[in-house]
Amino acid sequence: DQAKVFSCQLQQQGITFKNLPGALNWHFAGTWDYIFSKHPMYQQKNLEKYIWPQSSCLLRRAIALPIYLNMSKGAISVLIDKLHDSLCAIIA
């Protein structure tokens, strides 16, 4: 599975990351049935499947990378280079 290989490559490069699916319940409105079920327009609807399917699909296969507000351009460039190397390793 390419995702596992990519994960290992990132770890070998020293890049910490988080899988976004773990944070979706808190941060993505598509999982907030407890809020939207109170509104007639959204009752009995799968929000992820029918209201925000594209957003759900993208977020469920995404990762969060550590790019901080005060990071220098040099540090960001190093991160980009490491990401590039990791991607090239699994694509090749």
PDB file of N, CA and C in Angstrom:
ATOM      1  N   ASP A   1       0.847  -1.188   0.000  1.00  0.00           N
ATOM      2  CA  ASP A   1       0.000   0.000   0.000  1.00  0.00           C
ATOM      3  C   ASP A   1       0.892   1.250   0.000  1.00  0.00           C
ATOM      4  N   GLN A   2       0.680   2.136  -0.957  1.00  0.00           N
ATOM      5  CA  GLN A   2       1.527   3.328  -1.105  1.00  0.00           C
ATOM      6  C   GLN A   2       1.480   4.247   0.103  1.00  0.00           C
ATOM      7  N   ALA A   3       0.350   4.324   0.766  1.00  0.00           N
ATOM      8  CA  ALA A   3       0.236   5.206   1.932  1.00  0.00           C
ATOM      9  C   ALA A   3       1.189   4.765   3.043  1.00  0.00           C
ATOM     10  N   LYS A   4       1.294   3.458   3.262  1.00  0.00           N
ATOM     11  CA  LYS A   4       2.197   2.955   4.302  1.00  0.00           C
ATOM     12  C   LYS A   4       3.655   3.196   3.923  1.00  0.00           C
ATOM     13  N   VAL A   5       3.977   2.987   2.655  1.00  0.00           N
ATOM     14  CA  VAL A   5       5.342   3.228   2.187  1.00  0.00           C
ATOM     15  C   VAL A   5       5.683   4.707   2.333  1.00  0.00           C
ATOM     16  N   PHE A   6       4.753   5.569   1.952  1.00  0.00           N
ATOM     17  CA  PHE A   6       4.974   7.013   2.077  1.00  0.00           C
ATOM     18  C   PHE A   6       5.154   7.399   3.541  1.00  0.00           C
ATOM     19  N   SER A   7       4.356   6.819   4.405  1.00  0.00           N
ATOM     20  CA  SER A   7       4.465   7.073   5.839  1.00  0.00           C
ATOM     21  C   SER A   7       5.856   6.700   6.348  1.00  0.00           C
ATOM     22  N   CYS A   8       6.345   5.546   5.934  1.00  0.00           N
ATOM     23  CA  CYS A   8       7.693   5.114   6.344  1.00  0.00           C
ATOM     24  C   CYS A   8       8.758   6.054   5.797  1.00  0.00           C
ATOM     25  N   GLN A   9       8.594   6.491   4.557  1.00  0.00           N
ATOM     26  CA  GLN A   9       9.550   7.422   3.955  1.00  0.00           C
ATOM     27  C   GLN A   9       9.590   8.736   4.731  1.00  0.00           C
ATOM     28  N   LEU A  10       8.434   9.244   5.099  1.00  0.00           N
ATOM     29  CA  LEU A  10       8.381  10.490   5.868  1.00  0.00           C
ATOM     30  C   LEU A  10       9.074  10.318   7.218  1.00  0.00           C
ATOM     31  N   GLN A  11       8.821   9.206   7.867  1.00  0.00           N
ATOM     32  CA  GLN A  11       9.451   8.951   9.163  1.00  0.00           C
ATOM     33  C   GLN A  11      10.967   8.852   9.024  1.00  0.00           C
ATOM     34  N   GLN A  12      11.432   8.200   7.967  1.00  0.00           N
ATOM     35  CA  GLN A  12      12.873   8.092   7.733  1.00  0.00           C
ATOM     36  C   GLN A  12      13.505   9.462   7.488  1.00  0.00           C
ATOM     37  N   GLN A  13      12.743  10.368   6.899  1.00  0.00           N
ATOM     38  CA  GLN A  13      13.227  11.724   6.635  1.00  0.00           C
ATOM     39  C   GLN A  13      13.120  12.606   7.880  1.00  0.00           C
ATOM     40  N   GLY A  14      12.520  12.074   8.940  1.00  0.00           N
ATOM     41  CA  GLY A  14      12.363  12.845  10.171  1.00  0.00           C
ATOM     42  C   GLY A  14      11.201  13.821  10.141  1.00  0.00           C
ATOM     43  N   ILE A  15      10.244  13.566   9.266  1.00  0.00           N
ATOM     44  CA  ILE A  15       9.071  14.440   9.149  1.00  0.00           C
ATOM     45  C   ILE A  15       7.947  13.869  10.003  1.00  0.00           C
ATOM     46  N   THR A  16       7.509  14.651  10.959  1.00  0.00           N
ATOM     47  CA  THR A  16       6.361  14.236  11.755  1.00  0.00           C
ATOM     48  C   THR A  16       5.092  14.669  11.030  1.00  0.00           C
ATOM     49  N   PHE A  17       4.057  13.893  11.168  1.00  0.00           N
ATOM     50  CA  PHE A  17       2.794  14.219  10.515  1.00  0.00           C
ATOM     51  C   PHE A  17       1.671  13.531  11.260  1.00  0.00           C
ATOM     52  N   LYS A  18       0.467  13.936  10.934  1.00  0.00           N
ATOM     53  CA  LYS A  18      -0.718  13.301  11.503  1.00  0.00           C
ATOM     54  C   LYS A  18      -1.650  12.946  10.361  1.00  0.00           C
ATOM     55  N   ASN A  19      -2.319  11.824  10.508  1.00  0.00           N
ATOM     56  CA  ASN A  19      -3.364  11.478   9.553  1.00  0.00           C
ATOM     57  C   ASN A  19      -4.594  12.293   9.903  1.00  0.00           C
ATOM     58  N   LEU A  20      -5.120  12.996   8.941  1.00  0.00           N
ATOM     59  CA  LEU A  20      -6.273  13.845   9.223  1.00  0.00           C
ATOM     60  C   LEU A  20      -7.534  13.082   9.614  1.00  0.00           C
ATOM     61  N   PRO A  21      -7.764  11.882   9.109  1.00  0.00           N
ATOM     62  CA  PRO A  21      -9.002  11.226   9.531  1.00  0.00           C
ATOM     63  C   PRO A  21      -9.189  11.168  11.041  1.00  0.00           C
ATOM     64  N   GLY A  22      -8.106  11.127  11.785  1.00  0.00           N
ATOM     65  CA  GLY A  22      -8.217  11.103  13.234  1.00  0.00           C
ATOM     66  C   GLY A  22      -8.779  12.383  13.820  1.00  0.00           C
ATOM     67  N   ALA A  23      -8.639  13.487  13.116  1.00  0.00           N
ATOM     68  CA  ALA A  23      -9.109  14.778  13.616  1.00  0.00           C
ATOM     69  C   ALA A  23     -10.410  15.229  12.950  1.00  0.00           C
ATOM     70  N   LEU A  24     -10.910  14.451  12.019  1.00  0.00           N
ATOM     71  CA  LEU A  24     -12.094  14.878  11.264  1.00  0.00           C
ATOM     72  C   LEU A  24     -13.322  15.083  12.134  1.00  0.00           C
ATOM     73  N   ASN A  25     -13.536  14.209  13.087  1.00  0.00           N
ATOM     74  CA  ASN A  25     -14.751  14.330  13.902  1.00  0.00           C
ATOM     75  C   ASN A  25     -14.832  15.666  14.616  1.00  0.00           C
ATOM     76  N   TRP A  26     -13.711  16.233  14.935  1.00  0.00           N
ATOM     77  CA  TRP A  26     -13.701  17.510  15.643  1.00  0.00           C
ATOM     78  C   TRP A  26     -13.729  18.696  14.681  1.00  0.00           C
ATOM     79  N   HIS A  27     -13.020  18.592  13.577  1.00  0.00           N
ATOM     80  CA  HIS A  27     -12.778  19.748  12.719  1.00  0.00           C
ATOM     81  C   HIS A  27     -13.609  19.815  11.434  1.00  0.00           C
ATOM     82  N   PHE A  28     -14.259  18.753  11.033  1.00  0.00           N
ATOM     83  CA  PHE A  28     -14.978  18.728   9.756  1.00  0.00           C
ATOM     84  C   PHE A  28     -16.487  18.684   9.982  1.00  0.00           C
ATOM     85  N   ALA A  29     -17.168  19.692   9.464  1.00  0.00           N
ATOM     86  CA  ALA A  29     -18.617  19.814   9.659  1.00  0.00           C
ATOM     87  C   ALA A  29     -19.390  18.627   9.088  1.00  0.00           C
ATOM     88  N   GLY A  30     -18.804  17.910   8.157  1.00  0.00           N
ATOM     89  CA  GLY A  30     -19.466  16.742   7.586  1.00  0.00           C
ATOM     90  C   GLY A  30     -19.717  15.634   8.593  1.00  0.00           C
ATOM     91  N   THR A  31     -19.066  15.692   9.739  1.00  0.00           N
ATOM     92  CA  THR A  31     -19.266  14.673  10.784  1.00  0.00           C
ATOM     93  C   THR A  31     -20.108  15.189  11.944  1.00  0.00           C
ATOM     94  N   TRP A  32     -20.607  16.383  11.836  1.00  0.00           N
ATOM     95  CA  TRP A  32     -21.331  17.012  12.944  1.00  0.00           C
ATOM     96  C   TRP A  32     -22.833  16.728  12.893  1.00  0.00           C
ATOM     97  N   ASP A  33     -23.208  15.479  12.804  1.00  0.00           N
ATOM     98  CA  ASP A  33     -24.630  15.110  12.757  1.00  0.00           C
ATOM     99  C   ASP A  33     -25.397  15.649  13.952  1.00  0.00           C
ATOM    100  N   TYR A  34     -24.755  15.673  15.105  1.00  0.00           N
ATOM    101  CA  TYR A  34     -25.417  16.134  16.328  1.00  0.00           C
ATOM    102  C   TYR A  34     -25.832  17.602  16.237  1.00  0.00           C
ATOM    103  N   ILE A  35     -25.206  18.369  15.386  1.00  0.00           N
ATOM    104  CA  ILE A  35     -25.584  19.775  15.199  1.00  0.00           C
ATOM    105  C   ILE A  35     -26.593  19.899  14.062  1.00  0.00           C
ATOM    106  N   PHE A  36     -26.274  19.309  12.917  1.00  0.00           N
ATOM    107  CA  PHE A  36     -27.104  19.488  11.736  1.00  0.00           C
ATOM    108  C   PHE A  36     -28.420  18.727  11.799  1.00  0.00           C
ATOM    109  N   SER A  37     -28.509  17.690  12.606  1.00  0.00           N
ATOM    110  CA  SER A  37     -29.757  16.927  12.691  1.00  0.00           C
ATOM    111  C   SER A  37     -30.899  17.755  13.269  1.00  0.00           C
ATOM    112  N   LYS A  38     -30.582  18.875  13.881  1.00  0.00           N
ATOM    113  CA  LYS A  38     -31.607  19.759  14.440  1.00  0.00           C
ATOM    114  C   LYS A  38     -32.246  20.649  13.377  1.00  0.00           C
ATOM    115  N   HIS A  39     -31.657  20.684  12.191  1.00  0.00           N
ATOM    116  CA  HIS A  39     -32.161  21.533  11.117  1.00  0.00           C
ATOM    117  C   HIS A  39     -32.860  20.671  10.069  1.00  0.00           C
ATOM    118  N   PRO A  40     -34.130  20.983   9.759  1.00  0.00           N
ATOM    119  CA  PRO A  40     -34.907  20.152   8.842  1.00  0.00           C
ATOM    120  C   PRO A  40     -34.218  19.875   7.503  1.00  0.00           C
ATOM    121  N   MET A  41     -33.495  20.841   6.994  1.00  0.00           N
ATOM    122  CA  MET A  41     -32.843  20.684   5.695  1.00  0.00           C
ATOM    123  C   MET A  41     -31.818  19.534   5.694  1.00  0.00           C
ATOM    124  N   TYR A  42     -31.228  19.253   6.843  1.00  0.00           N
ATOM    125  CA  TYR A  42     -30.164  18.253   6.926  1.00  0.00           C
ATOM    126  C   TYR A  42     -30.585  16.958   7.610  1.00  0.00           C
ATOM    127  N   GLN A  43     -31.807  16.890   8.109  1.00  0.00           N
ATOM    128  CA  GLN A  43     -32.250  15.698   8.826  1.00  0.00           C
ATOM    129  C   GLN A  43     -32.276  14.491   7.900  1.00  0.00           C
ATOM    130  N   GLN A  44     -31.878  13.365   8.445  1.00  0.00           N
ATOM    131  CA  GLN A  44     -31.880  12.088   7.726  1.00  0.00           C
ATOM    132  C   GLN A  44     -30.953  12.086   6.510  1.00  0.00           C
ATOM    133  N   LYS A  45     -29.935  12.933   6.522  1.00  0.00           N
ATOM    134  CA  LYS A  45     -28.984  12.966   5.410  1.00  0.00           C
ATOM    135  C   LYS A  45     -27.583  12.658   5.924  1.00  0.00           C
ATOM    136  N   ASN A  46     -26.870  11.879   5.155  1.00  0.00           N
ATOM    137  CA  ASN A  46     -25.470  11.615   5.447  1.00  0.00           C
ATOM    138  C   ASN A  46     -24.688  12.821   4.934  1.00  0.00           C
ATOM    139  N   LEU A  47     -24.226  13.648   5.847  1.00  0.00           N
ATOM    140  CA  LEU A  47     -23.576  14.903   5.465  1.00  0.00           C
ATOM    141  C   LEU A  47     -22.340  14.676   4.612  1.00  0.00           C
ATOM    142  N   GLU A  48     -21.528  13.707   4.990  1.00  0.00           N
ATOM    143  CA  GLU A  48     -20.304  13.452   4.227  1.00  0.00           C
ATOM    144  C   GLU A  48     -20.613  12.950   2.824  1.00  0.00           C
ATOM    145  N   LYS A  49     -21.604  12.101   2.706  1.00  0.00           N
ATOM    146  CA  LYS A  49     -21.902  11.476   1.418  1.00  0.00           C
ATOM    147  C   LYS A  49     -22.702  12.377   0.480  1.00  0.00           C
ATOM    148  N   TYR A  50     -23.645  13.141   1.020  1.00  0.00           N
ATOM    149  CA  TYR A  50     -24.548  13.899   0.159  1.00  0.00           C
ATOM    150  C   TYR A  50     -24.329  15.408   0.164  1.00  0.00           C
ATOM    151  N   ILE A  51     -23.789  15.946   1.234  1.00  0.00           N
ATOM    152  CA  ILE A  51     -23.624  17.398   1.324  1.00  0.00           C
ATOM    153  C   ILE A  51     -22.196  17.811   0.962  1.00  0.00           C
ATOM    154  N   TRP A  52     -21.212  17.135   1.540  1.00  0.00           N
ATOM    155  CA  TRP A  52     -19.805  17.496   1.301  1.00  0.00           C
ATOM    156  C   TRP A  52     -18.972  16.284   0.872  1.00  0.00           C
ATOM    157  N   PRO A  53     -19.359  15.579  -0.180  1.00  0.00           N
ATOM    158  CA  PRO A  53     -18.615  14.370  -0.547  1.00  0.00           C
ATOM    159  C   PRO A  53     -17.185  14.647  -1.016  1.00  0.00           C
ATOM    160  N   GLN A  54     -16.996  15.708  -1.770  1.00  0.00           N
ATOM    161  CA  GLN A  54     -15.655  16.002  -2.275  1.00  0.00           C
ATOM    162  C   GLN A  54     -14.713  16.384  -1.132  1.00  0.00           C
ATOM    163  N   SER A  55     -15.194  17.211  -0.225  1.00  0.00           N
ATOM    164  CA  SER A  55     -14.375  17.598   0.929  1.00  0.00           C
ATOM    165  C   SER A  55     -14.028  16.378   1.769  1.00  0.00           C
ATOM    166  N   SER A  56     -14.997  15.530   1.998  1.00  0.00           N
ATOM    167  CA  SER A  56     -14.772  14.325   2.791  1.00  0.00           C
ATOM    168  C   SER A  56     -13.718  13.434   2.143  1.00  0.00           C
ATOM    169  N   CYS A  57     -13.828  13.240   0.855  1.00  0.00           N
ATOM    170  CA  CYS A  57     -12.880  12.390   0.130  1.00  0.00           C
ATOM    171  C   CYS A  57     -11.460  12.938   0.238  1.00  0.00           C
ATOM    172  N   LEU A  58     -11.305  14.225   0.040  1.00  0.00           N
ATOM    173  CA  LEU A  58      -9.973  14.838   0.120  1.00  0.00           C
ATOM    174  C   LEU A  58      -9.401  14.756   1.530  1.00  0.00           C
ATOM    175  N   LEU A  59     -10.205  15.092   2.515  1.00  0.00           N
ATOM    176  CA  LEU A  59      -9.720  15.096   3.893  1.00  0.00           C
ATOM    177  C   LEU A  59      -9.393  13.695   4.403  1.00  0.00           C
ATOM    178  N   ARG A  60     -10.128  12.702   3.970  1.00  0.00           N
ATOM    179  CA  ARG A  60      -9.908  11.340   4.453  1.00  0.00           C
ATOM    180  C   ARG A  60      -8.629  10.721   3.899  1.00  0.00           C
ATOM    181  N   ARG A  61      -8.051  11.325   2.867  1.00  0.00           N
ATOM    182  CA  ARG A  61      -6.776  10.802   2.372  1.00  0.00           C
ATOM    183  C   ARG A  61      -5.633  11.785   2.553  1.00  0.00           C
ATOM    184  N   ALA A  62      -5.836  12.778   3.392  1.00  0.00           N
ATOM    185  CA  ALA A  62      -4.836  13.822   3.601  1.00  0.00           C
ATOM    186  C   ALA A  62      -4.028  13.589   4.875  1.00  0.00           C
ATOM    187  N   ILE A  63      -2.886  14.260   4.929  1.00  0.00           N
ATOM    188  CA  ILE A  63      -2.080  14.280   6.149  1.00  0.00           C
ATOM    189  C   ILE A  63      -1.833  15.735   6.522  1.00  0.00           C
ATOM    190  N   ALA A  64      -1.561  15.958   7.778  1.00  0.00           N
ATOM    191  CA  ALA A  64      -1.222  17.302   8.262  1.00  0.00           C
ATOM    192  C   ALA A  64       0.288  17.362   8.458  1.00  0.00           C
ATOM    193  N   LEU A  65       0.915  18.338   7.831  1.00  0.00           N
ATOM    194  CA  LEU A  65       2.365  18.514   7.930  1.00  0.00           C
ATOM    195  C   LEU A  65       2.693  19.657   8.876  1.00  0.00           C
ATOM    196  N   PRO A  66       3.830  19.564   9.544  1.00  0.00           N
ATOM    197  CA  PRO A  66       4.197  20.589  10.532  1.00  0.00           C
ATOM    198  C   PRO A  66       4.807  21.840   9.897  1.00  0.00           C
ATOM    199  N   ILE A  67       3.971  22.749   9.447  1.00  0.00           N
ATOM    200  CA  ILE A  67       4.442  24.041   8.938  1.00  0.00           C
ATOM    201  C   ILE A  67       3.902  25.089   9.900  1.00  0.00           C
ATOM    202  N   TYR A  68       4.810  25.651  10.670  1.00  0.00           N
ATOM    203  CA  TYR A  68       4.429  26.554  11.744  1.00  0.00           C
ATOM    204  C   TYR A  68       4.514  28.013  11.310  1.00  0.00           C
ATOM    205  N   LEU A  69       3.799  28.849  11.996  1.00  0.00           N
ATOM    206  CA  LEU A  69       3.724  30.267  11.683  1.00  0.00           C
ATOM    207  C   LEU A  69       5.091  30.935  11.658  1.00  0.00           C
ATOM    208  N   ASN A  70       5.931  30.637  12.614  1.00  0.00           N
ATOM    209  CA  ASN A  70       7.234  31.295  12.712  1.00  0.00           C
ATOM    210  C   ASN A  70       8.367  30.515  12.052  1.00  0.00           C
ATOM    211  N   MET A  71       8.039  29.552  11.219  1.00  0.00           N
ATOM    212  CA  MET A  71       9.075  28.771  10.542  1.00  0.00           C
ATOM    213  C   MET A  71       9.793  29.638   9.523  1.00  0.00           C
ATOM    214  N   SER A  72      11.085  29.471   9.454  1.00  0.00           N
ATOM    215  CA  SER A  72      11.859  30.237   8.471  1.00  0.00           C
ATOM    216  C   SER A  72      11.637  29.659   7.074  1.00  0.00           C
ATOM    217  N   LYS A  73      11.900  30.472   6.073  1.00  0.00           N
ATOM    218  CA  LYS A  73      11.773  29.996   4.692  1.00  0.00           C
ATOM    219  C   LYS A  73      12.741  28.844   4.442  1.00  0.00           C
ATOM    220  N   GLY A  74      13.906  28.918   5.070  1.00  0.00           N
ATOM    221  CA  GLY A  74      14.887  27.845   4.918  1.00  0.00           C
ATOM    222  C   GLY A  74      14.382  26.521   5.462  1.00  0.00           C
ATOM    223  N   ALA A  75      13.755  26.563   6.631  1.00  0.00           N
ATOM    224  CA  ALA A  75      13.212  25.343   7.237  1.00  0.00           C
ATOM    225  C   ALA A  75      12.077  24.773   6.384  1.00  0.00           C
ATOM    226  N   ILE A  76      11.272  25.654   5.822  1.00  0.00           N
ATOM    227  CA  ILE A  76      10.187  25.200   4.941  1.00  0.00           C
ATOM    228  C   ILE A  76      10.772  24.575   3.678  1.00  0.00           C
ATOM    229  N   SER A  77      11.819  25.169   3.144  1.00  0.00           N
ATOM    230  CA  SER A  77      12.482  24.611   1.955  1.00  0.00           C
ATOM    231  C   SER A  77      13.045  23.222   2.235  1.00  0.00           C
ATOM    232  N   VAL A  78      13.635  23.043   3.412  1.00  0.00           N
ATOM    233  CA  VAL A  78      14.161  21.727   3.797  1.00  0.00           C
ATOM    234  C   VAL A  78      13.019  20.714   3.867  1.00  0.00           C
ATOM    235  N   LEU A  79      11.907  21.107   4.459  1.00  0.00           N
ATOM    236  CA  LEU A  79      10.740  20.228   4.551  1.00  0.00           C
ATOM    237  C   LEU A  79      10.243  19.855   3.155  1.00  0.00           C
ATOM    238  N   ILE A  80      10.170  20.829   2.268  1.00  0.00           N
ATOM    239  CA  ILE A  80       9.721  20.575   0.894  1.00  0.00           C
ATOM    240  C   ILE A  80      10.656  19.591   0.203  1.00  0.00           C
ATOM    241  N   ASP A  81      11.958  19.785   0.370  1.00  0.00           N
ATOM    242  CA  ASP A  81      12.931  18.877  -0.244  1.00  0.00           C
ATOM    243  C   ASP A  81      12.767  17.452   0.287  1.00  0.00           C
ATOM    244  N   LYS A  82      12.551  17.319   1.581  1.00  0.00           N
ATOM    245  CA  LYS A  82      12.359  15.996   2.173  1.00  0.00           C
ATOM    246  C   LYS A  82      11.072  15.343   1.664  1.00  0.00           C
ATOM    247  N   LEU A  83      10.015  16.142   1.530  1.00  0.00           N
ATOM    248  CA  LEU A  83       8.760  15.618   0.982  1.00  0.00           C
ATOM    249  C   LEU A  83       8.964  15.145  -0.450  1.00  0.00           C
ATOM    250  N   HIS A  84       9.664  15.957  -1.223  1.00  0.00           N
ATOM    251  CA  HIS A  84       9.949  15.611  -2.618  1.00  0.00           C
ATOM    252  C   HIS A  84      10.717  14.295  -2.691  1.00  0.00           C
ATOM    253  N   ASP A  85      11.754  14.168  -1.870  1.00  0.00           N
ATOM    254  CA  ASP A  85      12.547  12.937  -1.852  1.00  0.00           C
ATOM    255  C   ASP A  85      11.690  11.730  -1.466  1.00  0.00           C
ATOM    256  N   SER A  86      10.819  11.913  -0.493  1.00  0.00           N
ATOM    257  CA  SER A  86       9.944  10.824  -0.050  1.00  0.00           C
ATOM    258  C   SER A  86       8.984  10.401  -1.149  1.00  0.00           C
ATOM    259  N   LEU A  87       8.408  11.370  -1.838  1.00  0.00           N
ATOM    260  CA  LEU A  87       7.484  11.059  -2.935  1.00  0.00           C
ATOM    261  C   LEU A  87       8.203  10.374  -4.085  1.00  0.00           C
ATOM    262  N   CYS A  88       9.383  10.870  -4.417  1.00  0.00           N
ATOM    263  CA  CYS A  88      10.155  10.260  -5.506  1.00  0.00           C
ATOM    264  C   CYS A  88      10.505   8.809  -5.186  1.00  0.00           C
ATOM    265  N   ALA A  89      10.769   8.524  -3.929  1.00  0.00           N
ATOM    266  CA  ALA A  89      11.126   7.166  -3.519  1.00  0.00           C
ATOM    267  C   ALA A  89       9.975   6.183  -3.724  1.00  0.00           C
ATOM    268  N   ILE A  90       8.747   6.632  -3.561  1.00  0.00           N
ATOM    269  CA  ILE A  90       7.627   5.691  -3.727  1.00  0.00           C
ATOM    270  C   ILE A  90       7.095   5.667  -5.154  1.00  0.00           C
ATOM    271  N   ILE A  91       7.332   6.728  -5.901  1.00  0.00           N
ATOM    272  CA  ILE A  91       6.847   6.778  -7.284  1.00  0.00           C
ATOM    273  C   ILE A  91       7.787   6.014  -8.211  1.00  0.00           C
ATOM    274  N   ALA A  92       9.068   6.066  -7.905  1.00  0.00           N
ATOM    275  CA  ALA A  92      10.080   5.442  -8.777  1.00  0.00           C
ATOM    276  C   ALA A  92       9.967   3.942  -8.822  1.00  0.00           C
TER     277      ALA A  92
END
